[in-house]
């Protein structure tokens, strides 16, 4: 259990460091841009162009997924630290 907590905490910290890095900021910005561009294109796409609509939805989803995965890793890491600290004070 402790090894799992340590691994999750470490991965969460690496994800946080990545987001704070220039590369992380750039990729997060690109993901956000993809979402915005897809949303804007969806506003004007012909409703009969179902394949184009699907492609734009997938584009937006990809950008949101990237953001979500990083946020989840950070949250899991934070939660692992909390559990680890609680186990340390109880044991």
PDB file of N, CA and C in Angstrom:
ATOM      1  N   UNK A   1       0.829  -1.199   0.000  1.00  0.00           N
ATOM      2  CA  UNK A   1       0.000   0.000   0.000  1.00  0.00           C
ATOM      3  C   UNK A   1       0.872   1.262   0.000  1.00  0.00           C
ATOM      4  N   UNK A   2       1.912   1.237   0.829  1.00  0.00           N
ATOM      5  CA  UNK A   2       2.774   2.423   0.929  1.00  0.00           C
ATOM      6  C   UNK A   2       3.505   2.675  -0.385  1.00  0.00           C
ATOM      7  N   UNK A   3       3.927   1.600  -1.063  1.00  0.00           N
ATOM      8  CA  UNK A   3       4.590   1.761  -2.361  1.00  0.00           C
ATOM      9  C   UNK A   3       3.657   2.399  -3.385  1.00  0.00           C
ATOM     10  N   UNK A   4       2.394   1.981  -3.369  1.00  0.00           N
ATOM     11  CA  UNK A   4       1.412   2.557  -4.289  1.00  0.00           C
ATOM     12  C   UNK A   4       1.203   4.048  -3.999  1.00  0.00           C
ATOM     13  N   UNK A   5       1.117   4.378  -2.722  1.00  0.00           N
ATOM     14  CA  UNK A   5       0.936   5.781  -2.340  1.00  0.00           C
ATOM     15  C   UNK A   5       2.129   6.614  -2.775  1.00  0.00           C
ATOM     16  N   UNK A   6       3.325   6.071  -2.555  1.00  0.00           N
ATOM     17  CA  UNK A   6       4.533   6.790  -2.963  1.00  0.00           C
ATOM     18  C   UNK A   6       4.563   6.999  -4.471  1.00  0.00           C
ATOM     19  N   UNK A   7       4.200   5.956  -5.220  1.00  0.00           N
ATOM     20  CA  UNK A   7       4.199   6.054  -6.681  1.00  0.00           C
ATOM     21  C   UNK A   7       3.184   7.095  -7.152  1.00  0.00           C
ATOM     22  N   UNK A   8       1.990   7.064  -6.592  1.00  0.00           N
ATOM     23  CA  UNK A   8       0.964   8.035  -7.001  1.00  0.00           C
ATOM     24  C   UNK A   8       1.370   9.450  -6.628  1.00  0.00           C
ATOM     25  N   UNK A   9       1.957   9.605  -5.450  1.00  0.00           N
ATOM     26  CA  UNK A   9       2.404  10.935  -5.024  1.00  0.00           C
ATOM     27  C   UNK A   9       3.505  11.445  -5.952  1.00  0.00           C
ATOM     28  N   UNK A  10       4.415  10.571  -6.319  1.00  0.00           N
ATOM     29  CA  UNK A  10       5.520  10.969  -7.198  1.00  0.00           C
ATOM     30  C   UNK A  10       5.016  11.325  -8.595  1.00  0.00           C
ATOM     31  N   UNK A  11       4.102  10.521  -9.120  1.00  0.00           N
ATOM     32  CA  UNK A  11       3.544  10.815 -10.445  1.00  0.00           C
ATOM     33  C   UNK A  11       2.771  12.129 -10.412  1.00  0.00           C
ATOM     34  N   UNK A  12       2.026  12.349  -9.351  1.00  0.00           N
ATOM     35  CA  UNK A  12       1.289  13.604  -9.210  1.00  0.00           C
ATOM     36  C   UNK A  12       2.216  14.800  -9.178  1.00  0.00           C
ATOM     37  N   UNK A  13       3.331  14.660  -8.488  1.00  0.00           N
ATOM     38  CA  UNK A  13       4.308  15.755  -8.411  1.00  0.00           C
ATOM     39  C   UNK A  13       4.957  15.984  -9.777  1.00  0.00           C
ATOM     40  N   UNK A  14       5.249  14.902 -10.485  1.00  0.00           N
ATOM     41  CA  UNK A  14       5.832  15.033 -11.836  1.00  0.00           C
ATOM     42  C   UNK A  14       4.843  15.730 -12.774  1.00  0.00           C
ATOM     43  N   UNK A  15       3.562  15.393 -12.649  1.00  0.00           N
ATOM     44  CA  UNK A  15       2.543  16.046 -13.477  1.00  0.00           C
ATOM     45  C   UNK A  15       2.465  17.535 -13.150  1.00  0.00           C
ATOM     46  N   UNK A  16       2.542  17.870 -11.872  1.00  0.00           N
ATOM     47  CA  UNK A  16       2.511  19.278 -11.459  1.00  0.00           C
ATOM     48  C   UNK A  16       3.737  20.014 -12.021  1.00  0.00           C
ATOM     49  N   UNK A  17       4.902  19.398 -11.902  1.00  0.00           N
ATOM     50  CA  UNK A  17       6.122  20.005 -12.434  1.00  0.00           C
ATOM     51  C   UNK A  17       6.026  20.192 -13.945  1.00  0.00           C
ATOM     52  N   UNK A  18       5.456  19.187 -14.617  1.00  0.00           N
ATOM     53  CA  UNK A  18       5.281  19.281 -16.064  1.00  0.00           C
ATOM     54  C   UNK A  18       4.396  20.469 -16.417  1.00  0.00           C
ATOM     55  N   UNK A  19       3.272  20.620 -15.717  1.00  0.00           N
ATOM     56  CA  UNK A  19       2.362  21.728 -16.006  1.00  0.00           C
ATOM     57  C   UNK A  19       3.005  23.084 -15.742  1.00  0.00           C
ATOM     58  N   UNK A  20       3.947  23.126 -14.818  1.00  0.00           N
ATOM     59  CA  UNK A  20       4.619  24.385 -14.502  1.00  0.00           C
ATOM     60  C   UNK A  20       5.788  24.661 -15.438  1.00  0.00           C
ATOM     61  N   UNK A  21       6.181  23.669 -16.227  1.00  0.00           N
ATOM     62  CA  UNK A  21       7.296  23.842 -17.157  1.00  0.00           C
ATOM     63  C   UNK A  21       6.829  24.588 -18.404  1.00  0.00           C
ATOM     64  N   UNK A  22       7.796  25.096 -19.156  1.00  0.00           N
ATOM     65  CA  UNK A  22       7.458  25.780 -20.407  1.00  0.00           C
ATOM     66  C   UNK A  22       6.760  24.835 -21.378  1.00  0.00           C
ATOM     67  N   UNK A  23       7.261  23.597 -21.470  1.00  0.00           N
ATOM     68  CA  UNK A  23       6.641  22.614 -22.358  1.00  0.00           C
ATOM     69  C   UNK A  23       5.212  22.313 -21.922  1.00  0.00           C
ATOM     70  N   UNK A  24       5.010  22.119 -20.630  1.00  0.00           N
ATOM     71  CA  UNK A  24       3.679  21.835 -20.115  1.00  0.00           C
ATOM     72  C   UNK A  24       2.715  22.977 -20.382  1.00  0.00           C
ATOM     73  N   UNK A  25       3.175  24.205 -20.156  1.00  0.00           N
ATOM     74  CA  UNK A  25       2.330  25.365 -20.418  1.00  0.00           C
ATOM     75  C   UNK A  25       1.980  25.468 -21.896  1.00  0.00           C
ATOM     76  N   UNK A  26       2.975  25.177 -22.739  1.00  0.00           N
ATOM     77  CA  UNK A  26       2.741  25.243 -24.179  1.00  0.00           C
ATOM     78  C   UNK A  26       1.728  24.195 -24.618  1.00  0.00           C
ATOM     79  N   UNK A  27       1.900  22.953 -24.162  1.00  0.00           N
ATOM     80  CA  UNK A  27       0.988  21.889 -24.561  1.00  0.00           C
ATOM     81  C   UNK A  27      -0.411  22.101 -23.994  1.00  0.00           C
ATOM     82  N   UNK A  28      -0.501  22.593 -22.765  1.00  0.00           N
ATOM     83  CA  UNK A  28      -1.816  22.888 -22.198  1.00  0.00           C
ATOM     84  C   UNK A  28      -2.504  23.995 -22.996  1.00  0.00           C
ATOM     85  N   UNK A  29      -1.731  25.011 -23.371  1.00  0.00           N
ATOM     86  CA  UNK A  29      -2.286  26.085 -24.199  1.00  0.00           C
ATOM     87  C   UNK A  29      -2.758  25.574 -25.551  1.00  0.00           C
ATOM     88  N   UNK A  30      -1.993  24.653 -26.140  1.00  0.00           N
ATOM     89  CA  UNK A  30      -2.387  24.075 -27.425  1.00  0.00           C
ATOM     90  C   UNK A  30      -3.663  23.254 -27.277  1.00  0.00           C
ATOM     91  N   UNK A  31      -3.794  22.524 -26.173  1.00  0.00           N
ATOM     92  CA  UNK A  31      -5.004  21.739 -25.931  1.00  0.00           C
ATOM     93  C   UNK A  31      -6.207  22.659 -25.769  1.00  0.00           C
ATOM     94  N   UNK A  32      -6.037  23.741 -25.021  1.00  0.00           N
ATOM     95  CA  UNK A  32      -7.125  24.697 -24.836  1.00  0.00           C
ATOM     96  C   UNK A  32      -7.507  25.339 -26.165  1.00  0.00           C
ATOM     97  N   UNK A  33      -6.499  25.632 -26.979  1.00  0.00           N
ATOM     98  CA  UNK A  33      -6.743  26.221 -28.301  1.00  0.00           C
ATOM     99  C   UNK A  33      -7.536  25.251 -29.178  1.00  0.00           C
ATOM    100  N   UNK A  34      -7.173  23.976 -29.136  1.00  0.00           N
ATOM    101  CA  UNK A  34      -7.916  22.973 -29.910  1.00  0.00           C
ATOM    102  C   UNK A  34      -9.385  22.942 -29.522  1.00  0.00           C
ATOM    103  N   UNK A  35      -9.651  23.006 -28.226  1.00  0.00           N
ATOM    104  CA  UNK A  35     -11.035  22.998 -27.751  1.00  0.00           C
ATOM    105  C   UNK A  35     -11.773  24.222 -28.275  1.00  0.00           C
ATOM    106  N   UNK A  36     -11.166  25.387 -28.138  1.00  0.00           N
ATOM    107  CA  UNK A  36     -11.825  26.621 -28.579  1.00  0.00           C
ATOM    108  C   UNK A  36     -12.067  26.633 -30.082  1.00  0.00           C
ATOM    109  N   UNK A  37     -11.058  26.207 -30.847  1.00  0.00           N
ATOM    110  CA  UNK A  37     -11.221  26.192 -32.304  1.00  0.00           C
ATOM    111  C   UNK A  37     -12.324  25.230 -32.729  1.00  0.00           C
ATOM    112  N   UNK A  38     -12.375  24.068 -32.093  1.00  0.00           N
ATOM    113  CA  UNK A  38     -13.412  23.093 -32.420  1.00  0.00           C
ATOM    114  C   UNK A  38     -14.794  23.644 -32.073  1.00  0.00           C
ATOM    115  N   UNK A  39     -14.905  24.293 -30.915  1.00  0.00           N
ATOM    116  CA  UNK A  39     -16.197  24.853 -30.516  1.00  0.00           C
ATOM    117  C   UNK A  39     -16.648  25.940 -31.496  1.00  0.00           C
ATOM    118  N   UNK A  40     -15.706  26.780 -31.896  1.00  0.00           N
ATOM    119  CA  UNK A  40     -16.056  27.834 -32.849  1.00  0.00           C
ATOM    120  C   UNK A  40     -16.486  27.243 -34.189  1.00  0.00           C
ATOM    121  N   UNK A  41     -15.771  26.226 -34.657  1.00  0.00           N
ATOM    122  CA  UNK A  41     -16.113  25.592 -35.932  1.00  0.00           C
ATOM    123  C   UNK A  41     -17.468  24.892 -35.852  1.00  0.00           C
ATOM    124  N   UNK A  42     -17.777  24.329 -34.691  1.00  0.00           N
ATOM    125  CA  UNK A  42     -19.071  23.660 -34.523  1.00  0.00           C
ATOM    126  C   UNK A  42     -20.239  24.639 -34.652  1.00  0.00           C
ATOM    127  N   UNK A  43     -19.993  25.896 -34.325  1.00  0.00           N
ATOM    128  CA  UNK A  43     -21.053  26.896 -34.415  1.00  0.00           C
ATOM    129  C   UNK A  43     -21.454  27.183 -35.858  1.00  0.00           C
ATOM    130  N   UNK A  44     -20.542  26.940 -36.790  1.00  0.00           N
ATOM    131  CA  UNK A  44     -20.820  27.317 -38.173  1.00  0.00           C
ATOM    132  C   UNK A  44     -20.859  26.141 -39.143  1.00  0.00           C
ATOM    133  N   UNK A  45     -20.556  24.954 -38.679  1.00  0.00           N
ATOM    134  CA  UNK A  45     -20.544  23.799 -39.581  1.00  0.00           C
ATOM    135  C   UNK A  45     -21.967  23.466 -40.032  1.00  0.00           C
ATOM    136  N   UNK A  46     -22.068  23.038 -41.264  1.00  0.00           N
ATOM    137  CA  UNK A  46     -23.363  22.614 -41.808  1.00  0.00           C
ATOM    138  C   UNK A  46     -23.858  21.412 -41.003  1.00  0.00           C
ATOM    139  N   UNK A  47     -25.073  21.463 -40.473  1.00  0.00           N
ATOM    140  CA  UNK A  47     -25.571  20.379 -39.624  1.00  0.00           C
ATOM    141  C   UNK A  47     -25.706  19.038 -40.350  1.00  0.00           C
ATOM    142  N   UNK A  48     -25.661  19.060 -41.674  1.00  0.00           N
ATOM    143  CA  UNK A  48     -25.737  17.792 -42.403  1.00  0.00           C
ATOM    144  C   UNK A  48     -24.371  17.131 -42.560  1.00  0.00           C
ATOM    145  N   UNK A  49     -23.301  17.829 -42.222  1.00  0.00           N
ATOM    146  CA  UNK A  49     -21.944  17.289 -42.332  1.00  0.00           C
ATOM    147  C   UNK A  49     -21.582  16.535 -41.047  1.00  0.00           C
ATOM    148  N   UNK A  50     -22.197  15.385 -40.895  1.00  0.00           N
ATOM    149  CA  UNK A  50     -22.033  14.634 -39.641  1.00  0.00           C
ATOM    150  C   UNK A  50     -20.597  14.199 -39.391  1.00  0.00           C
ATOM    151  N   UNK A  51     -19.868  13.859 -40.445  1.00  0.00           N
ATOM    152  CA  UNK A  51     -18.475  13.444 -40.245  1.00  0.00           C
ATOM    153  C   UNK A  51     -17.631  14.611 -39.740  1.00  0.00           C
ATOM    154  N   UNK A  52     -17.844  15.779 -40.295  1.00  0.00           N
ATOM    155  CA  UNK A  52     -17.118  16.982 -39.847  1.00  0.00           C
ATOM    156  C   UNK A  52     -17.488  17.304 -38.399  1.00  0.00           C
ATOM    157  N   UNK A  53     -18.755  17.190 -38.064  1.00  0.00           N
ATOM    158  CA  UNK A  53     -19.198  17.439 -36.690  1.00  0.00           C
ATOM    159  C   UNK A  53     -18.517  16.466 -35.737  1.00  0.00           C
ATOM    160  N   UNK A  54     -18.488  15.208 -36.114  1.00  0.00           N
ATOM    161  CA  UNK A  54     -17.845  14.177 -35.289  1.00  0.00           C
ATOM    162  C   UNK A  54     -16.351  14.480 -35.113  1.00  0.00           C
ATOM    163  N   UNK A  55     -15.685  14.876 -36.190  1.00  0.00           N
ATOM    164  CA  UNK A  55     -14.266  15.211 -36.115  1.00  0.00           C
ATOM    165  C   UNK A  55     -14.021  16.382 -35.161  1.00  0.00           C
ATOM    166  N   UNK A  56     -14.862  17.390 -35.255  1.00  0.00           N
ATOM    167  CA  UNK A  56     -14.719  18.552 -34.375  1.00  0.00           C
ATOM    168  C   UNK A  56     -15.000  18.194 -32.920  1.00  0.00           C
ATOM    169  N   UNK A  57     -15.986  17.350 -32.701  1.00  0.00           N
ATOM    170  CA  UNK A  57     -16.266  16.896 -31.336  1.00  0.00           C
ATOM    171  C   UNK A  57     -15.076  16.123 -30.766  1.00  0.00           C
ATOM    172  N   UNK A  58     -14.483  15.270 -31.591  1.00  0.00           N
ATOM    173  CA  UNK A  58     -13.310  14.508 -31.151  1.00  0.00           C
ATOM    174  C   UNK A  58     -12.115  15.416 -30.885  1.00  0.00           C
ATOM    175  N   UNK A  59     -11.962  16.456 -31.690  1.00  0.00           N
ATOM    176  CA  UNK A  59     -10.884  17.424 -31.478  1.00  0.00           C
ATOM    177  C   UNK A  59     -11.036  18.101 -30.111  1.00  0.00           C
ATOM    178  N   UNK A  60     -12.244  18.537 -29.826  1.00  0.00           N
ATOM    179  CA  UNK A  60     -12.502  19.188 -28.540  1.00  0.00           C
ATOM    180  C   UNK A  60     -12.310  18.211 -27.388  1.00  0.00           C
ATOM    181  N   UNK A  61     -12.789  17.002 -27.582  1.00  0.00           N
ATOM    182  CA  UNK A  61     -12.669  15.993 -26.532  1.00  0.00           C
ATOM    183  C   UNK A  61     -11.207  15.671 -26.240  1.00  0.00           C
ATOM    184  N   UNK A  62     -10.388  15.600 -27.276  1.00  0.00           N
ATOM    185  CA  UNK A  62      -8.967  15.324 -27.081  1.00  0.00           C
ATOM    186  C   UNK A  62      -8.295  16.387 -26.229  1.00  0.00           C
ATOM    187  N   UNK A  63      -8.599  17.638 -26.509  1.00  0.00           N
ATOM    188  CA  UNK A  63      -8.035  18.728 -25.714  1.00  0.00           C
ATOM    189  C   UNK A  63      -8.494  18.689 -24.271  1.00  0.00           C
ATOM    190  N   UNK A  64      -9.773  18.415 -24.080  1.00  0.00           N
ATOM    191  CA  UNK A  64     -10.301  18.334 -22.707  1.00  0.00           C
ATOM    192  C   UNK A  64      -9.722  17.132 -21.974  1.00  0.00           C
ATOM    193  N   UNK A  65      -9.565  16.004 -22.683  1.00  0.00           N
ATOM    194  CA  UNK A  65      -8.995  14.813 -22.052  1.00  0.00           C
ATOM    195  C   UNK A  65      -7.577  15.074 -21.556  1.00  0.00           C
ATOM    196  N   UNK A  66      -6.770  15.736 -22.357  1.00  0.00           N
ATOM    197  CA  UNK A  66      -5.396  16.042 -21.954  1.00  0.00           C
ATOM    198  C   UNK A  66      -5.388  16.832 -20.648  1.00  0.00           C
ATOM    199  N   UNK A  67      -6.214  17.858 -20.588  1.00  0.00           N
ATOM    200  CA  UNK A  67      -6.313  18.675 -19.380  1.00  0.00           C
ATOM    201  C   UNK A  67      -6.796  17.836 -18.200  1.00  0.00           C
ATOM    202  N   UNK A  68      -7.786  17.011 -18.445  1.00  0.00           N
ATOM    203  CA  UNK A  68      -8.387  16.192 -17.400  1.00  0.00           C
ATOM    204  C   UNK A  68      -7.409  15.155 -16.861  1.00  0.00           C
ATOM    205  N   UNK A  69      -6.650  14.521 -17.754  1.00  0.00           N
ATOM    206  CA  UNK A  69      -5.696  13.495 -17.308  1.00  0.00           C
ATOM    207  C   UNK A  69      -4.639  14.090 -16.395  1.00  0.00           C
ATOM    208  N   UNK A  70      -4.125  15.253 -16.755  1.00  0.00           N
ATOM    209  CA  UNK A  70      -3.108  15.877 -15.916  1.00  0.00           C
ATOM    210  C   UNK A  70      -3.694  16.294 -14.564  1.00  0.00           C
ATOM    211  N   UNK A  71      -4.885  16.863 -14.586  1.00  0.00           N
ATOM    212  CA  UNK A  71      -5.534  17.261 -13.333  1.00  0.00           C
ATOM    213  C   UNK A  71      -5.791  16.043 -12.449  1.00  0.00           C
ATOM    214  N   UNK A  72      -6.198  14.931 -13.057  1.00  0.00           N
ATOM    215  CA  UNK A  72      -6.460  13.717 -12.292  1.00  0.00           C
ATOM    216  C   UNK A  72      -5.180  13.177 -11.649  1.00  0.00           C
ATOM    217  N   UNK A  73      -4.079  13.199 -12.394  1.00  0.00           N
ATOM    218  CA  UNK A  73      -2.813  12.726 -11.829  1.00  0.00           C
ATOM    219  C   UNK A  73      -2.388  13.568 -10.635  1.00  0.00           C
ATOM    220  N   UNK A  74      -2.567  14.874 -10.744  1.00  0.00           N
ATOM    221  CA  UNK A  74      -2.205  15.773  -9.644  1.00  0.00           C
ATOM    222  C   UNK A  74      -3.098  15.516  -8.437  1.00  0.00           C
ATOM    223  N   UNK A  75      -4.391  15.372  -8.669  1.00  0.00           N
ATOM    224  CA  UNK A  75      -5.336  15.120  -7.572  1.00  0.00           C
ATOM    225  C   UNK A  75      -5.041  13.795  -6.888  1.00  0.00           C
ATOM    226  N   UNK A  76      -4.782  12.764  -7.686  1.00  0.00           N
ATOM    227  CA  UNK A  76      -4.463  11.455  -7.102  1.00  0.00           C
ATOM    228  C   UNK A  76      -3.178  11.528  -6.285  1.00  0.00           C
ATOM    229  N   UNK A  77      -2.213  12.285  -6.775  1.00  0.00           N
ATOM    230  CA  UNK A  77      -0.973  12.460  -6.025  1.00  0.00           C
ATOM    231  C   UNK A  77      -1.205  13.185  -4.715  1.00  0.00           C
ATOM    232  N   UNK A  78      -2.001  14.237  -4.750  1.00  0.00           N
ATOM    233  CA  UNK A  78      -2.326  14.973  -3.521  1.00  0.00           C
ATOM    234  C   UNK A  78      -3.064  14.080  -2.526  1.00  0.00           C
ATOM    235  N   UNK A  79      -4.011  13.295  -3.034  1.00  0.00           N
ATOM    236  CA  UNK A  79      -4.761  12.390  -2.160  1.00  0.00           C
ATOM    237  C   UNK A  79      -3.855  11.320  -1.557  1.00  0.00           C
ATOM    238  N   UNK A  80      -2.921  10.818  -2.347  1.00  0.00           N
ATOM    239  CA  UNK A  80      -1.980   9.818  -1.838  1.00  0.00           C
ATOM    240  C   UNK A  80      -1.134  10.400  -0.708  1.00  0.00           C
ATOM    241  N   UNK A  81      -0.717  11.652  -0.852  1.00  0.00           N
ATOM    242  CA  UNK A  81       0.057  12.301   0.216  1.00  0.00           C
ATOM    243  C   UNK A  81      -0.767  12.440   1.490  1.00  0.00           C
ATOM    244  N   UNK A  82      -2.022  12.791   1.342  1.00  0.00           N
ATOM    245  CA  UNK A  82      -2.904  12.929   2.508  1.00  0.00           C
ATOM    246  C   UNK A  82      -3.040  11.596   3.225  1.00  0.00           C
ATOM    247  N   UNK A  83      -3.303  10.527   2.476  1.00  0.00           N
ATOM    248  CA  UNK A  83      -3.448   9.192   3.071  1.00  0.00           C
ATOM    249  C   UNK A  83      -2.143   8.763   3.718  1.00  0.00           C
ATOM    250  N   UNK A  84      -1.023   8.992   3.048  1.00  0.00           N
ATOM    251  CA  UNK A  84       0.284   8.630   3.583  1.00  0.00           C
ATOM    252  C   UNK A  84       0.548   9.335   4.916  1.00  0.00           C
ATOM    253  N   UNK A  85       0.228  10.643   4.946  1.00  0.00           N
ATOM    254  CA  UNK A  85       0.425  11.423   6.186  1.00  0.00           C
ATOM    255  C   UNK A  85      -0.491  10.926   7.292  1.00  0.00           C
ATOM    256  N   UNK A  86      -1.745  10.608   6.943  1.00  0.00           N
ATOM    257  CA  UNK A  86      -2.678  10.091   7.953  1.00  0.00           C
ATOM    258  C   UNK A  86      -2.208   8.757   8.490  1.00  0.00           C
ATOM    259  N   UNK A  87      -1.729   7.902   7.613  1.00  0.00           N
ATOM    260  CA  UNK A  87      -1.220   6.603   8.057  1.00  0.00           C
ATOM    261  C   UNK A  87       0.007   6.768   8.938  1.00  0.00           C
ATOM    262  N   UNK A  88       0.809   7.766   8.663  1.00  0.00           N
ATOM    263  CA  UNK A  88       2.001   8.021   9.470  1.00  0.00           C
ATOM    264  C   UNK A  88       1.677   8.518  10.858  1.00  0.00           C
ATOM    265  N   UNK A  89       0.606   9.286  10.981  1.00  0.00           N
ATOM    266  CA  UNK A  89       0.245   9.814  12.298  1.00  0.00           C
ATOM    267  C   UNK A  89      -0.549   8.787  13.109  1.00  0.00           C
ATOM    268  N   UNK A  90      -1.181   7.829  12.417  1.00  0.00           N
ATOM    269  CA  UNK A  90      -1.969   6.817  13.117  1.00  0.00           C
ATOM    270  C   UNK A  90      -1.121   5.629  13.558  1.00  0.00           C
ATOM    271  N   UNK A  91      -0.027   5.390  12.800  1.00  0.00           N
ATOM    272  CA  UNK A  91       0.776   4.191  13.060  1.00  0.00           C
ATOM    273  C   UNK A  91       1.839   4.450  14.000  1.00  0.00           C
TER     274      UNK A  91
END
